[in-house]
Amino acid sequence: MAYLQELRALHKAREYAELLEFCKGKLQFSPEDTDLLFHMALALEGLGRHDAARNAFEKLFRITHDELFRICEAVPQFSKGERKSAISILKYETRKTEDAPRLFFAFRLASEQGEANVAADALRKAFAVDHKKTLSLLQGYFEGLHEKRAQRALLFVTLLGILRESGEKTSAR
């Protein structure tokens, strides 16, 4: 699995054309390797080939049945400017998914796109599914937002709304 380090290094360096070629070469021998397919999808997205990226995420879902890849399908939709389609994907997957890390990913994606209501719904459900895990993910997310003031502001507004709602529910009991 030494190739995983190569995949990650190429992605981190944003060498998308090289990453795509690397993945295509390896996929000839392992056509259902999920690590290769995932990085190929990232490379395609990075190269602006949004439809091909979405197709790769769809293939990953068909192979793995992992809802994470359905959520990932929203990325190329946002990139193409098809916000309604992307939001529809996130809303559907938020209703369907019962996994806190995947819900948290939907939250992150929605918040990074400025979709506060969708982000709030995903985060609420993530807290309902696994409060402790979601809190840990949220802490890690905050720690990584050093230079992204707009994201922090949106995140604070979303969190305040959720906390206000949970406080109102608690006091009503």
Protein backbone atom coordinates (compact mmCIF):
# COMPACT_ATOMS: atom_id res chain seq x y z
CA MET A 1 0.00 0.00 0.00
CA ALA A 2 2.93 2.34 -0.56
CA TYR A 3 0.95 3.83 -3.42
CA LEU A 4 -1.43 5.40 -0.87
CA GLN A 5 1.34 7.74 0.23
CA GLU A 6 1.93 8.68 -3.41
CA LEU A 7 -1.81 9.32 -3.91
CA ARG A 8 -2.01 11.56 -0.85
CA ALA A 9 1.18 13.44 -1.74
CA LEU A 10 -0.02 14.16 -5.28
CA HIS A 11 -3.42 15.31 -3.99
CA LYS A 12 -1.90 17.49 -1.30
CA ALA A 13 0.43 19.07 -3.89
CA ARG A 14 -2.60 19.63 -6.15
CA GLU A 15 -0.87 17.74 -8.95
CA TYR A 16 -4.24 16.66 -10.34
CA ALA A 17 -3.14 15.69 -13.87
CA GLU A 18 -0.33 13.51 -12.51
CA LEU A 19 -2.67 12.06 -9.87
CA LEU A 20 -5.23 11.19 -12.54
CA GLU A 21 -2.63 9.43 -14.71
CA PHE A 22 -1.26 7.58 -11.68
CA CYS A 23 -4.75 6.35 -10.78
CA LYS A 24 -5.62 5.34 -14.34
CA GLY A 25 -2.41 3.33 -14.60
CA LYS A 26 -3.01 1.45 -11.36
CA LEU A 27 -6.74 0.95 -12.06
CA GLN A 28 -5.88 -1.14 -15.11
CA PHE A 29 -4.71 -3.82 -12.68
CA SER A 30 -7.19 -3.16 -9.83
CA PRO A 31 -10.36 -1.67 -11.39
CA GLU A 32 -12.32 -1.66 -8.12
CA ASP A 33 -9.62 -0.34 -5.80
CA THR A 34 -11.58 2.19 -3.76
CA ASP A 35 -8.53 4.26 -2.77
CA LEU A 36 -7.57 4.67 -6.42
CA LEU A 37 -11.13 5.46 -7.47
CA PHE A 38 -11.54 8.02 -4.69
CA HIS A 39 -8.31 9.81 -5.59
CA MET A 40 -9.23 9.66 -9.26
CA ALA A 41 -12.52 11.38 -8.40
CA LEU A 42 -10.60 14.04 -6.45
CA ALA A 43 -8.21 14.52 -9.39
CA LEU A 44 -11.10 14.85 -11.83
CA GLU A 45 -12.77 17.40 -9.56
CA GLY A 46 -9.50 19.30 -9.23
CA LEU A 47 -9.16 19.39 -13.02
CA GLY A 48 -12.68 20.78 -13.37
CA ARG A 49 -14.07 17.59 -14.88
CA HIS A 50 -17.08 17.65 -12.59
CA ASP A 51 -19.33 15.16 -14.42
CA ALA A 52 -16.54 12.59 -14.55
CA ALA A 53 -15.85 13.19 -10.84
CA ARG A 54 -19.49 12.62 -9.98
CA ASN A 55 -19.49 9.43 -12.06
CA ALA A 56 -16.46 8.22 -10.11
CA PHE A 57 -18.19 8.94 -6.78
CA GLU A 58 -21.27 7.07 -8.05
CA LYS A 59 -19.09 4.09 -8.96
CA LEU A 60 -17.52 4.17 -5.50
CA PHE A 61 -20.98 4.05 -3.95
CA ARG A 62 -22.01 1.12 -6.16
CA ILE A 63 -18.90 -0.79 -5.09
CA THR A 64 -18.92 0.06 -1.37
CA HIS A 65 -22.51 1.09 -0.56
CA ASP A 66 -20.90 3.72 1.67
CA GLU A 67 -23.07 6.83 2.02
CA LEU A 68 -19.94 8.98 2.20
CA PHE A 69 -19.59 8.68 -1.55
CA ARG A 70 -23.20 9.77 -2.10
CA ILE A 71 -22.46 12.86 -0.03
CA CYS A 72 -19.30 13.42 -2.10
CA GLU A 73 -21.47 13.60 -5.22
CA ALA A 74 -22.54 17.06 -4.03
CA VAL A 75 -18.98 18.41 -4.46
CA PRO A 76 -18.97 18.42 -8.29
CA GLN A 77 -22.53 19.72 -8.29
CA PHE A 78 -21.50 22.74 -6.22
CA SER A 79 -18.46 23.22 -8.46
CA LYS A 80 -20.63 23.27 -11.58
CA GLY A 81 -22.91 25.85 -9.99
CA GLU A 82 -25.76 23.37 -9.62
CA ARG A 83 -26.53 24.36 -6.04
CA LYS A 84 -30.09 23.00 -5.99
CA SER A 85 -28.89 19.56 -7.04
CA ALA A 86 -26.05 19.62 -4.49
CA ILE A 87 -28.37 20.76 -1.69
CA SER A 88 -30.87 18.07 -2.65
CA ILE A 89 -28.13 15.43 -2.37
CA LEU A 90 -27.05 16.72 1.05
CA LYS A 91 -30.61 16.95 2.39
CA TYR A 92 -31.45 13.44 1.18
CA GLU A 93 -28.29 11.92 2.60
CA THR A 94 -28.76 13.76 5.90
CA ARG A 95 -32.22 12.21 6.27
CA LYS A 96 -30.95 8.77 5.27
CA THR A 97 -27.57 8.53 7.02
CA GLU A 98 -27.24 7.35 10.61
CA ASP A 99 -23.47 7.76 10.91
CA ALA A 100 -22.12 10.78 12.79
CA PRO A 101 -18.84 11.16 10.82
CA ARG A 102 -20.70 11.08 7.50
CA LEU A 103 -23.27 13.54 8.78
CA PHE A 104 -20.44 15.74 9.99
CA PHE A 105 -18.91 15.61 6.50
CA ALA A 106 -22.26 16.74 5.06
CA PHE A 107 -22.26 19.56 7.63
CA ARG A 108 -18.73 20.62 6.63
CA LEU A 109 -19.53 20.56 2.94
CA ALA A 110 -22.73 22.57 3.42
CA SER A 111 -21.07 25.11 5.72
CA GLU A 112 -18.14 25.56 3.31
CA GLN A 113 -20.68 26.35 0.59
CA GLY A 114 -22.53 28.86 2.79
CA GLU A 115 -25.63 26.68 3.15
CA ALA A 116 -26.35 27.36 6.82
CA ASN A 117 -29.74 25.60 7.03
CA VAL A 118 -28.47 22.42 5.39
CA ALA A 119 -25.35 22.53 7.57
CA ALA A 120 -27.45 22.97 10.71
CA ASP A 121 -29.69 20.02 9.84
CA ALA A 122 -26.70 17.74 9.27
CA LEU A 123 -25.01 18.87 12.47
CA ARG A 124 -28.19 18.48 14.53
CA LYS A 125 -28.61 14.92 13.32
CA ALA A 126 -24.92 14.14 13.88
CA PHE A 127 -25.30 15.29 17.51
CA ALA A 128 -28.45 13.20 17.87
CA VAL A 129 -26.72 10.10 16.46
CA ASP A 130 -23.46 10.38 18.44
CA HIS A 131 -23.03 13.49 20.57
CA LYS A 132 -19.54 12.64 21.84
CA LYS A 133 -18.10 11.76 18.42
CA THR A 134 -19.64 14.86 16.82
CA LEU A 135 -18.22 17.10 19.53
CA SER A 136 -14.78 15.60 18.90
CA LEU A 137 -15.11 16.13 15.13
CA LEU A 138 -16.29 19.69 15.69
CA GLN A 139 -13.31 20.45 17.91
CA GLY A 140 -10.93 19.14 15.25
CA TYR A 141 -12.72 21.18 12.60
CA PHE A 142 -12.44 24.38 14.63
CA GLU A 143 -8.76 23.77 15.24
CA GLY A 144 -8.22 23.53 11.47
CA LEU A 145 -9.96 26.81 10.65
CA HIS A 146 -7.10 29.14 11.48
CA GLU A 147 -7.40 31.45 8.48
CA LYS A 148 -11.00 30.94 7.39
CA ARG A 149 -12.88 33.68 9.22
CA ALA A 150 -16.02 33.51 7.07
CA GLN A 151 -16.37 29.78 7.75
CA ARG A 152 -15.86 30.35 11.45
CA ALA A 153 -18.55 33.02 11.52
CA LEU A 154 -21.03 30.75 9.73
CA LEU A 155 -20.11 27.91 12.03
CA PHE A 156 -20.67 30.02 15.14
CA VAL A 157 -24.06 31.22 13.89
CA THR A 158 -25.09 27.63 13.09
CA LEU A 159 -23.91 26.36 16.48
CA LEU A 160 -25.62 29.16 18.37
CA GLY A 161 -28.89 28.31 16.63
CA ILE A 162 -28.56 24.64 17.52
CA LEU A 163 -27.62 25.41 21.12
CA ARG A 164 -30.52 27.85 21.41
CA GLU A 165 -32.92 25.19 20.13
CA SER A 166 -31.57 22.52 22.46
CA GLY A 167 -31.80 24.95 25.39
CA GLU A 168 -35.41 25.74 24.54
CA LYS A 169 -36.25 22.02 24.34
CA THR A 170 -34.55 21.37 27.68
CA SER A 171 -36.34 24.23 29.46
CA ALA A 172 -39.69 23.14 28.00
CA ARG A 173 -39.34 19.74 29.73
